[in-house]
Amino acid sequence: MKRLIYIMVALIAATSCADTMIDEVLLVRDDISLTIREELVISFDENKCQLGFNSARNEYRVYDENLANWYILKCSAKPTSEGQKVKADLEYTTEKDVKALAGLEFSVEKTSSEGLVWLWNKDKKIGIVIKNL
């Protein structure tokens, strides 16, 4: 019986952590950014970065002026409405190399009237804020 209680407590904690991560990692961001497992990878600074969007490929790009820090998100469809699910490929830089992740599923968690879209990948704990241009 004790074992069952421990298992139930662990399951409840695990499922509540997913929502906490969305709230604490993604939804608190008000900037175009990429965050992976609570670590900010890149944040858009209009004085040091540029945005790119290719509507034919649903491709979003953010890169700094030195092209040292960037991410590219290629979506299966243009993310526009809360609750929408999109498949996407993500490529981004780290301090040491370039990472590529294919076939990720993102859910649109929030949108704004300014065109910002908050995307969340539950499996890898990836939060991305993009801007529809």
C-alpha atoms as a PDB file:
ATOM      1  CA  MET A   1       0.000   0.000   0.000  1.00  0.00           C
ATOM      2  CA  LYS A   2       2.811   2.410   0.853  1.00  0.00           C
ATOM      3  CA  ARG A   3       4.418   1.653  -2.481  1.00  0.00           C
ATOM      4  CA  LEU A   4       1.185   2.584  -4.304  1.00  0.00           C
ATOM      5  CA  ILE A   5       0.976   5.877  -2.420  1.00  0.00           C
ATOM      6  CA  TYR A   6       4.586   6.735  -3.315  1.00  0.00           C
ATOM      7  CA  ILE A   7       3.937   5.933  -6.966  1.00  0.00           C
ATOM      8  CA  MET A   8       0.803   8.107  -7.024  1.00  0.00           C
ATOM      9  CA  VAL A   9       2.614  11.010  -5.366  1.00  0.00           C
ATOM     10  CA  ALA A  10       5.455  10.710  -7.885  1.00  0.00           C
ATOM     11  CA  LEU A  11       3.015  10.696 -10.815  1.00  0.00           C
ATOM     12  CA  ILE A  12       1.169  13.742  -9.512  1.00  0.00           C
ATOM     13  CA  ALA A  13       4.447  15.584  -8.988  1.00  0.00           C
ATOM     14  CA  ALA A  14       5.657  14.681 -12.469  1.00  0.00           C
ATOM     15  CA  THR A  15       2.507  15.905 -14.196  1.00  0.00           C
ATOM     16  CA  SER A  16       2.379  19.122 -12.196  1.00  0.00           C
ATOM     17  CA  CYS A  17       6.029  19.838 -13.079  1.00  0.00           C
ATOM     18  CA  ALA A  18       5.156  19.978 -16.778  1.00  0.00           C
ATOM     19  CA  ASP A  19       2.645  22.783 -16.188  1.00  0.00           C
ATOM     20  CA  THR A  20       5.044  24.543 -13.835  1.00  0.00           C
ATOM     21  CA  MET A  21       7.757  24.452 -16.501  1.00  0.00           C
ATOM     22  CA  ILE A  22       5.420  26.035 -19.044  1.00  0.00           C
ATOM     23  CA  ASP A  23       4.523  28.777 -16.571  1.00  0.00           C
ATOM     24  CA  GLU A  24       8.052  29.407 -15.298  1.00  0.00           C
ATOM     25  CA  VAL A  25      10.065  28.812 -18.479  1.00  0.00           C
ATOM     26  CA  LEU A  26       7.863  29.848 -21.380  1.00  0.00           C
ATOM     27  CA  LEU A  27       4.893  31.971 -20.442  1.00  0.00           C
ATOM     28  CA  VAL A  28       6.926  34.425 -18.340  1.00  0.00           C
ATOM     29  CA  ARG A  29       8.945  35.390 -21.438  1.00  0.00           C
ATOM     30  CA  ASP A  30       7.820  38.510 -23.253  1.00  0.00           C
ATOM     31  CA  ASP A  31      10.605  38.436 -25.824  1.00  0.00           C
ATOM     32  CA  ILE A  32      11.345  36.379 -28.906  1.00  0.00           C
ATOM     33  CA  SER A  33      13.493  33.596 -27.503  1.00  0.00           C
ATOM     34  CA  LEU A  34      14.515  29.958 -27.270  1.00  0.00           C
ATOM     35  CA  THR A  35      14.633  28.241 -23.884  1.00  0.00           C
ATOM     36  CA  ILE A  36      15.545  24.593 -23.355  1.00  0.00           C
ATOM     37  CA  ARG A  37      15.056  22.917 -19.984  1.00  0.00           C
ATOM     38  CA  GLU A  38      15.010  26.234 -18.103  1.00  0.00           C
ATOM     39  CA  GLU A  39      18.163  27.479 -19.866  1.00  0.00           C
ATOM     40  CA  LEU A  40      17.832  30.546 -22.070  1.00  0.00           C
ATOM     41  CA  VAL A  41      19.634  29.771 -25.338  1.00  0.00           C
ATOM     42  CA  ILE A  42      18.979  33.047 -27.161  1.00  0.00           C
ATOM     43  CA  SER A  43      16.860  36.124 -26.603  1.00  0.00           C
ATOM     44  CA  PHE A  44      16.118  38.606 -29.358  1.00  0.00           C
ATOM     45  CA  ASP A  45      17.649  42.050 -28.825  1.00  0.00           C
ATOM     46  CA  GLU A  46      16.550  44.466 -31.555  1.00  0.00           C
ATOM     47  CA  ASN A  47      19.900  46.299 -31.353  1.00  0.00           C
ATOM     48  CA  LYS A  48      22.003  43.154 -31.798  1.00  0.00           C
ATOM     49  CA  CYS A  49      19.783  40.607 -33.568  1.00  0.00           C
ATOM     50  CA  GLN A  50      17.686  40.142 -36.680  1.00  0.00           C
ATOM     51  CA  LEU A  51      14.513  38.257 -37.431  1.00  0.00           C
ATOM     52  CA  GLY A  52      13.718  36.341 -40.575  1.00  0.00           C
ATOM     53  CA  PHE A  53      10.570  34.629 -41.798  1.00  0.00           C
ATOM     54  CA  ASN A  54       9.937  32.593 -44.918  1.00  0.00           C
ATOM     55  CA  SER A  55       6.175  32.198 -45.346  1.00  0.00           C
ATOM     56  CA  ALA A  56       6.493  29.556 -48.088  1.00  0.00           C
ATOM     57  CA  ARG A  57       8.387  27.257 -45.690  1.00  0.00           C
ATOM     58  CA  ASN A  58       6.904  28.470 -42.365  1.00  0.00           C
ATOM     59  CA  GLU A  59      10.477  29.087 -41.282  1.00  0.00           C
ATOM     60  CA  TYR A  60      11.382  31.429 -38.424  1.00  0.00           C
ATOM     61  CA  ARG A  61      14.956  32.642 -37.919  1.00  0.00           C
ATOM     62  CA  VAL A  62      16.606  34.624 -35.133  1.00  0.00           C
ATOM     63  CA  TYR A  63      20.309  35.390 -35.244  1.00  0.00           C
ATOM     64  CA  ASP A  64      22.734  37.836 -33.677  1.00  0.00           C
ATOM     65  CA  GLU A  65      24.891  40.291 -35.616  1.00  0.00           C
ATOM     66  CA  ASN A  66      27.921  37.968 -35.479  1.00  0.00           C
ATOM     67  CA  LEU A  67      25.933  34.906 -36.610  1.00  0.00           C
ATOM     68  CA  ALA A  68      27.333  33.135 -33.552  1.00  0.00           C
ATOM     69  CA  ASN A  69      23.992  32.650 -31.778  1.00  0.00           C
ATOM     70  CA  TRP A  70      20.869  31.723 -33.677  1.00  0.00           C
ATOM     71  CA  TYR A  71      17.921  29.404 -34.081  1.00  0.00           C
ATOM     72  CA  ILE A  72      15.862  28.300 -37.051  1.00  0.00           C
ATOM     73  CA  LEU A  73      12.417  26.786 -36.579  1.00  0.00           C
ATOM     74  CA  LYS A  74      10.751  25.133 -39.609  1.00  0.00           C
ATOM     75  CA  CYS A  75       7.084  24.411 -38.909  1.00  0.00           C
ATOM     76  CA  SER A  76       4.662  22.128 -40.746  1.00  0.00           C
ATOM     77  CA  ALA A  77       2.062  24.923 -40.607  1.00  0.00           C
ATOM     78  CA  LYS A  78       2.027  28.544 -39.504  1.00  0.00           C
ATOM     79  CA  PRO A  79       1.309  28.605 -35.746  1.00  0.00           C
ATOM     80  CA  THR A  80      -1.510  31.095 -35.194  1.00  0.00           C
ATOM     81  CA  SER A  81      -4.022  29.965 -32.587  1.00  0.00           C
ATOM     82  CA  GLU A  82      -3.911  28.688 -29.022  1.00  0.00           C
ATOM     83  CA  GLY A  83      -4.228  24.925 -28.753  1.00  0.00           C
ATOM     84  CA  GLN A  84      -2.892  24.362 -32.276  1.00  0.00           C
ATOM     85  CA  LYS A  85      -0.307  21.577 -32.659  1.00  0.00           C
ATOM     86  CA  VAL A  86       2.504  21.867 -35.205  1.00  0.00           C
ATOM     87  CA  LYS A  87       5.369  19.597 -36.148  1.00  0.00           C
ATOM     88  CA  ALA A  88       8.690  21.384 -36.470  1.00  0.00           C
ATOM     89  CA  ASP A  89      12.403  20.982 -36.962  1.00  0.00           C
ATOM     90  CA  LEU A  90      14.662  23.081 -34.760  1.00  0.00           C
ATOM     91  CA  GLU A  91      18.281  23.986 -35.379  1.00  0.00           C
ATOM     92  CA  TYR A  92      20.234  26.160 -32.936  1.00  0.00           C
ATOM     93  CA  THR A  93      23.688  27.033 -31.694  1.00  0.00           C
ATOM     94  CA  THR A  94      25.230  26.234 -28.343  1.00  0.00           C
ATOM     95  CA  GLU A  95      28.571  27.393 -26.952  1.00  0.00           C
ATOM     96  CA  LYS A  96      30.272  24.389 -28.546  1.00  0.00           C
ATOM     97  CA  ASP A  97      28.315  23.352 -31.632  1.00  0.00           C
ATOM     98  CA  VAL A  98      25.126  23.349 -33.677  1.00  0.00           C
ATOM     99  CA  LYS A  99      22.220  21.151 -32.592  1.00  0.00           C
ATOM    100  CA  ALA A 100      19.414  19.878 -34.816  1.00  0.00           C
ATOM    101  CA  LEU A 101      16.174  18.262 -33.648  1.00  0.00           C
ATOM    102  CA  ALA A 102      13.669  16.931 -36.194  1.00  0.00           C
ATOM    103  CA  GLY A 103      10.007  16.005 -35.916  1.00  0.00           C
ATOM    104  CA  LEU A 104       9.236  17.858 -32.680  1.00  0.00           C
ATOM    105  CA  GLU A 105       5.619  18.514 -31.766  1.00  0.00           C
ATOM    106  CA  PHE A 106       4.861  21.959 -30.381  1.00  0.00           C
ATOM    107  CA  SER A 107       1.624  23.239 -28.940  1.00  0.00           C
ATOM    108  CA  VAL A 108       0.672  26.892 -29.211  1.00  0.00           C
ATOM    109  CA  GLU A 109       0.257  27.940 -25.599  1.00  0.00           C
ATOM    110  CA  LYS A 110      -0.399  31.656 -26.058  1.00  0.00           C
ATOM    111  CA  THR A 111      -0.625  34.343 -28.764  1.00  0.00           C
ATOM    112  CA  SER A 112      -0.582  38.140 -28.678  1.00  0.00           C
ATOM    113  CA  SER A 113      -2.078  40.878 -30.830  1.00  0.00           C
ATOM    114  CA  GLU A 114       1.487  41.895 -31.778  1.00  0.00           C
ATOM    115  CA  GLY A 115       1.991  38.540 -33.539  1.00  0.00           C
ATOM    116  CA  LEU A 116       3.980  36.793 -30.810  1.00  0.00           C
ATOM    117  CA  VAL A 117       3.386  33.055 -30.469  1.00  0.00           C
ATOM    118  CA  TRP A 118       4.491  30.964 -27.475  1.00  0.00           C
ATOM    119  CA  LEU A 119       5.307  27.367 -28.482  1.00  0.00           C
ATOM    120  CA  TRP A 120       5.959  24.486 -26.075  1.00  0.00           C
ATOM    121  CA  ASN A 121       7.433  21.031 -26.629  1.00  0.00           C
ATOM    122  CA  LYS A 122       6.519  18.949 -23.591  1.00  0.00           C
ATOM    123  CA  ASP A 123       8.864  16.012 -24.270  1.00  0.00           C
ATOM    124  CA  LYS A 124      12.098  18.003 -24.508  1.00  0.00           C
ATOM    125  CA  LYS A 125      10.938  20.984 -22.381  1.00  0.00           C
ATOM    126  CA  ILE A 126      11.582  23.453 -25.213  1.00  0.00           C
ATOM    127  CA  GLY A 127       9.921  26.856 -25.124  1.00  0.00           C
ATOM    128  CA  ILE A 128      10.094  29.110 -28.157  1.00  0.00           C
ATOM    129  CA  VAL A 129       8.598  32.535 -28.656  1.00  0.00           C
ATOM    130  CA  ILE A 130       8.347  33.506 -32.319  1.00  0.00           C
ATOM    131  CA  LYS A 131       6.829  36.437 -34.141  1.00  0.00           C
ATOM    132  CA  ASN A 132       4.541  36.071 -37.108  1.00  0.00           C
ATOM    133  CA  LEU A 133       5.668  38.746 -39.542  1.00  0.00           C
END
